[in-house]
Amino acid sequence: MGKKPISATIEEDLIKWIDKEVVRDRQKYRNKSHLIEIALEKLKKER
């Protein structure tokens, strides 16, 4: 299954946090999309 671009409206505070996390841990997160994908996968597993 391939990846597909999406669009989302996200609170500014959360975007700032995402930016900081990506910069802080470049080995774990390649970019914002990668961090969001990991977070959604974690949420999916929890449900």
PDB file of N, CA and C in Angstrom:
ATOM      1  N   MET A   1       0.846  -1.172   0.000  1.00  0.00           N
ATOM      2  CA  MET A   1       0.000   0.000   0.000  1.00  0.00           C
ATOM      3  C   MET A   1       0.899   1.246   0.000  1.00  0.00           C
ATOM      4  N   GLY A   2       0.668   2.147  -0.929  1.00  0.00           N
ATOM      5  CA  GLY A   2       1.482   3.354  -1.039  1.00  0.00           C
ATOM      6  C   GLY A   2       1.007   4.463  -0.124  1.00  0.00           C
ATOM      7  N   LYS A   3       1.793   5.489  -0.091  1.00  0.00           N
ATOM      8  CA  LYS A   3       1.434   6.651   0.730  1.00  0.00           C
ATOM      9  C   LYS A   3       0.685   7.648  -0.122  1.00  0.00           C
ATOM     10  N   LYS A   4      -0.172   8.424   0.519  1.00  0.00           N
ATOM     11  CA  LYS A   4      -1.008   9.392  -0.170  1.00  0.00           C
ATOM     12  C   LYS A   4      -1.013  10.692   0.634  1.00  0.00           C
ATOM     13  N   PRO A   5      -0.793  11.819  -0.014  1.00  0.00           N
ATOM     14  CA  PRO A   5      -0.802  13.089   0.738  1.00  0.00           C
ATOM     15  C   PRO A   5      -2.212  13.448   1.213  1.00  0.00           C
ATOM     16  N   ILE A   6      -2.257  14.063   2.395  1.00  0.00           N
ATOM     17  CA  ILE A   6      -3.524  14.562   2.934  1.00  0.00           C
ATOM     18  C   ILE A   6      -3.312  15.982   3.436  1.00  0.00           C
ATOM     19  N   SER A   7      -4.386  16.619   3.802  1.00  0.00           N
ATOM     20  CA  SER A   7      -4.318  17.959   4.377  1.00  0.00           C
ATOM     21  C   SER A   7      -5.073  17.933   5.701  1.00  0.00           C
ATOM     22  N   ALA A   8      -4.553  18.640   6.693  1.00  0.00           N
ATOM     23  CA  ALA A   8      -5.208  18.697   7.994  1.00  0.00           C
ATOM     24  C   ALA A   8      -5.010  20.073   8.608  1.00  0.00           C
ATOM     25  N   THR A   9      -5.997  20.520   9.334  1.00  0.00           N
ATOM     26  CA  THR A   9      -5.897  21.780  10.073  1.00  0.00           C
ATOM     27  C   THR A   9      -5.568  21.424  11.512  1.00  0.00           C
ATOM     28  N   ILE A  10      -4.424  21.954  12.001  1.00  0.00           N
ATOM     29  CA  ILE A  10      -3.907  21.584  13.318  1.00  0.00           C
ATOM     30  C   ILE A  10      -3.624  22.860  14.113  1.00  0.00           C
ATOM     31  N   GLU A  11      -3.937  22.822  15.396  1.00  0.00           N
ATOM     32  CA  GLU A  11      -3.679  23.966  16.276  1.00  0.00           C
ATOM     33  C   GLU A  11      -2.204  24.380  16.208  1.00  0.00           C
ATOM     34  N   GLU A  12      -1.971  25.668  16.257  1.00  0.00           N
ATOM     35  CA  GLU A  12      -0.627  26.228  16.148  1.00  0.00           C
ATOM     36  C   GLU A  12       0.307  25.696  17.241  1.00  0.00           C
ATOM     37  N   ASP A  13      -0.199  25.544  18.465  1.00  0.00           N
ATOM     38  CA  ASP A  13       0.625  25.028  19.564  1.00  0.00           C
ATOM     39  C   ASP A  13       1.147  23.627  19.235  1.00  0.00           C
ATOM     40  N   LEU A  14       0.283  22.808  18.654  1.00  0.00           N
ATOM     41  CA  LEU A  14       0.668  21.441  18.307  1.00  0.00           C
ATOM     42  C   LEU A  14       1.692  21.433  17.169  1.00  0.00           C
ATOM     43  N   ILE A  15       1.535  22.314  16.212  1.00  0.00           N
ATOM     44  CA  ILE A  15       2.503  22.415  15.111  1.00  0.00           C
ATOM     45  C   ILE A  15       3.868  22.820  15.649  1.00  0.00           C
ATOM     46  N   LYS A  16       3.896  23.765  16.574  1.00  0.00           N
ATOM     47  CA  LYS A  16       5.171  24.186  17.177  1.00  0.00           C
ATOM     48  C   LYS A  16       5.822  23.021  17.905  1.00  0.00           C
ATOM     49  N   TRP A  17       5.025  22.234  18.628  1.00  0.00           N
ATOM     50  CA  TRP A  17       5.556  21.071  19.341  1.00  0.00           C
ATOM     51  C   TRP A  17       6.112  20.052  18.354  1.00  0.00           C
ATOM     52  N   ILE A  18       5.383  19.792  17.274  1.00  0.00           N
ATOM     53  CA  ILE A  18       5.844  18.849  16.244  1.00  0.00           C
ATOM     54  C   ILE A  18       7.177  19.317  15.677  1.00  0.00           C
ATOM     55  N   ASP A  19       7.276  20.595  15.339  1.00  0.00           N
ATOM     56  CA  ASP A  19       8.529  21.154  14.799  1.00  0.00           C
ATOM     57  C   ASP A  19       9.690  20.919  15.765  1.00  0.00           C
ATOM     58  N   LYS A  20       9.465  21.194  17.051  1.00  0.00           N
ATOM     59  CA  LYS A  20      10.520  21.015  18.058  1.00  0.00           C
ATOM     60  C   LYS A  20      10.934  19.551  18.170  1.00  0.00           C
ATOM     61  N   GLU A  21       9.964  18.644  18.154  1.00  0.00           N
ATOM     62  CA  GLU A  21      10.264  17.213  18.262  1.00  0.00           C
ATOM     63  C   GLU A  21      11.087  16.719  17.073  1.00  0.00           C
ATOM     64  N   VAL A  22      10.734  17.163  15.881  1.00  0.00           N
ATOM     65  CA  VAL A  22      11.463  16.742  14.678  1.00  0.00           C
ATOM     66  C   VAL A  22      12.910  17.226  14.746  1.00  0.00           C
ATOM     67  N   VAL A  23      13.106  18.466  15.146  1.00  0.00           N
ATOM     68  CA  VAL A  23      14.463  19.021  15.254  1.00  0.00           C
ATOM     69  C   VAL A  23      15.240  18.335  16.380  1.00  0.00           C
ATOM     70  N   ARG A  24      14.562  18.071  17.500  1.00  0.00           N
ATOM     71  CA  ARG A  24      15.211  17.475  18.672  1.00  0.00           C
ATOM     72  C   ARG A  24      15.664  16.043  18.432  1.00  0.00           C
ATOM     73  N   ASP A  25      14.906  15.296  17.642  1.00  0.00           N
ATOM     74  CA  ASP A  25      15.221  13.877  17.463  1.00  0.00           C
ATOM     75  C   ASP A  25      15.191  13.487  15.990  1.00  0.00           C
ATOM     76  N   ARG A  26      16.163  13.970  15.233  1.00  0.00           N
ATOM     77  CA  ARG A  26      16.268  13.699  13.796  1.00  0.00           C
ATOM     78  C   ARG A  26      16.472  12.217  13.490  1.00  0.00           C
ATOM     79  N   GLN A  27      17.020  11.469  14.425  1.00  0.00           N
ATOM     80  CA  GLN A  27      17.227  10.038  14.191  1.00  0.00           C
ATOM     81  C   GLN A  27      15.910   9.279  14.252  1.00  0.00           C
ATOM     82  N   LYS A  28      14.964   9.764  15.034  1.00  0.00           N
ATOM     83  CA  LYS A  28      13.680   9.085  15.185  1.00  0.00           C
ATOM     84  C   LYS A  28      12.664   9.559  14.143  1.00  0.00           C
ATOM     85  N   TYR A  29      12.651  10.860  13.844  1.00  0.00           N
ATOM     86  CA  TYR A  29      11.678  11.444  12.926  1.00  0.00           C
ATOM     87  C   TYR A  29      12.377  12.093  11.738  1.00  0.00           C
ATOM     88  N   ARG A  30      12.032  11.647  10.534  1.00  0.00           N
ATOM     89  CA  ARG A  30      12.630  12.225   9.323  1.00  0.00           C
ATOM     90  C   ARG A  30      12.067  13.614   9.028  1.00  0.00           C
ATOM     91  N   ASN A  31      10.781  13.782   9.329  1.00  0.00           N
ATOM     92  CA  ASN A  31      10.091  15.047   9.050  1.00  0.00           C
ATOM     93  C   ASN A  31       8.753  15.058   9.793  1.00  0.00           C
ATOM     94  N   LYS A  32       7.980  16.124   9.614  1.00  0.00           N
ATOM     95  CA  LYS A  32       6.696  16.244  10.311  1.00  0.00           C
ATOM     96  C   LYS A  32       5.750  15.109   9.937  1.00  0.00           C
ATOM     97  N   SER A  33       5.701  14.782   8.661  1.00  0.00           N
ATOM     98  CA  SER A  33       4.807  13.708   8.220  1.00  0.00           C
ATOM     99  C   SER A  33       5.147  12.389   8.890  1.00  0.00           C
ATOM    100  N   HIS A  34       6.435  12.128   9.039  1.00  0.00           N
ATOM    101  CA  HIS A  34       6.880  10.887   9.667  1.00  0.00           C
ATOM    102  C   HIS A  34       6.445  10.850  11.128  1.00  0.00           C
ATOM    103  N   LEU A  35       6.603  11.945  11.850  1.00  0.00           N
ATOM    104  CA  LEU A  35       6.177  12.001  13.251  1.00  0.00           C
ATOM    105  C   LEU A  35       4.670  11.776  13.361  1.00  0.00           C
ATOM    106  N   ILE A  36       3.902  12.424  12.505  1.00  0.00           N
ATOM    107  CA  ILE A  36       2.448  12.279  12.542  1.00  0.00           C
ATOM    108  C   ILE A  36       2.048  10.848  12.214  1.00  0.00           C
ATOM    109  N   GLU A  37       2.709  10.241  11.239  1.00  0.00           N
ATOM    110  CA  GLU A  37       2.411   8.859  10.883  1.00  0.00           C
ATOM    111  C   GLU A  37       2.684   7.909  12.047  1.00  0.00           C
ATOM    112  N   ILE A  38       3.797   8.113  12.735  1.00  0.00           N
ATOM    113  CA  ILE A  38       4.129   7.289  13.906  1.00  0.00           C
ATOM    114  C   ILE A  38       3.074   7.471  15.001  1.00  0.00           C
ATOM    115  N   ALA A  39       2.668   8.719  15.240  1.00  0.00           N
ATOM    116  CA  ALA A  39       1.665   8.983  16.272  1.00  0.00           C
ATOM    117  C   ALA A  39       0.333   8.326  15.933  1.00  0.00           C
ATOM    118  N   LEU A  40      -0.059   8.367  14.679  1.00  0.00           N
ATOM    119  CA  LEU A  40      -1.326   7.741  14.280  1.00  0.00           C
ATOM    120  C   LEU A  40      -1.256   6.219  14.362  1.00  0.00           C
ATOM    121  N   GLU A  41      -0.110   5.645  14.014  1.00  0.00           N
ATOM    122  CA  GLU A  41       0.066   4.198  14.143  1.00  0.00           C
ATOM    123  C   GLU A  41      -0.053   3.769  15.612  1.00  0.00           C
ATOM    124  N   LYS A  42       0.540   4.578  16.496  1.00  0.00           N
ATOM    125  CA  LYS A  42       0.462   4.272  17.934  1.00  0.00           C
ATOM    126  C   LYS A  42      -0.983   4.343  18.410  1.00  0.00           C
ATOM    127  N   LEU A  43      -1.712   5.367  17.999  1.00  0.00           N
ATOM    128  CA  LEU A  43      -3.114   5.495  18.374  1.00  0.00           C
ATOM    129  C   LEU A  43      -3.932   4.322  17.837  1.00  0.00           C
ATOM    130  N   LYS A  44      -3.658   3.935  16.612  1.00  0.00           N
ATOM    131  CA  LYS A  44      -4.363   2.793  16.002  1.00  0.00           C
ATOM    132  C   LYS A  44      -4.149   1.520  16.794  1.00  0.00           C
ATOM    133  N   LYS A  45      -2.916   1.273  17.226  1.00  0.00           N
ATOM    134  CA  LYS A  45      -2.605   0.054  18.008  1.00  0.00           C
ATOM    135  C   LYS A  45      -3.299   0.080  19.357  1.00  0.00           C
ATOM    136  N   GLU A  46      -3.400   1.257  19.967  1.00  0.00           N
ATOM    137  CA  GLU A  46      -4.049   1.384  21.272  1.00  0.00           C
ATOM    138  C   GLU A  46      -5.546   1.140  21.205  1.00  0.00           C
ATOM    139  N   ARG A  47      -6.126   1.338  20.075  1.00  0.00           N
ATOM    140  CA  ARG A  47      -7.574   1.177  19.915  1.00  0.00           C
ATOM    141  C   ARG A  47      -7.847  -0.225  19.484  1.00  0.00           C
TER     142      ARG A  47
END
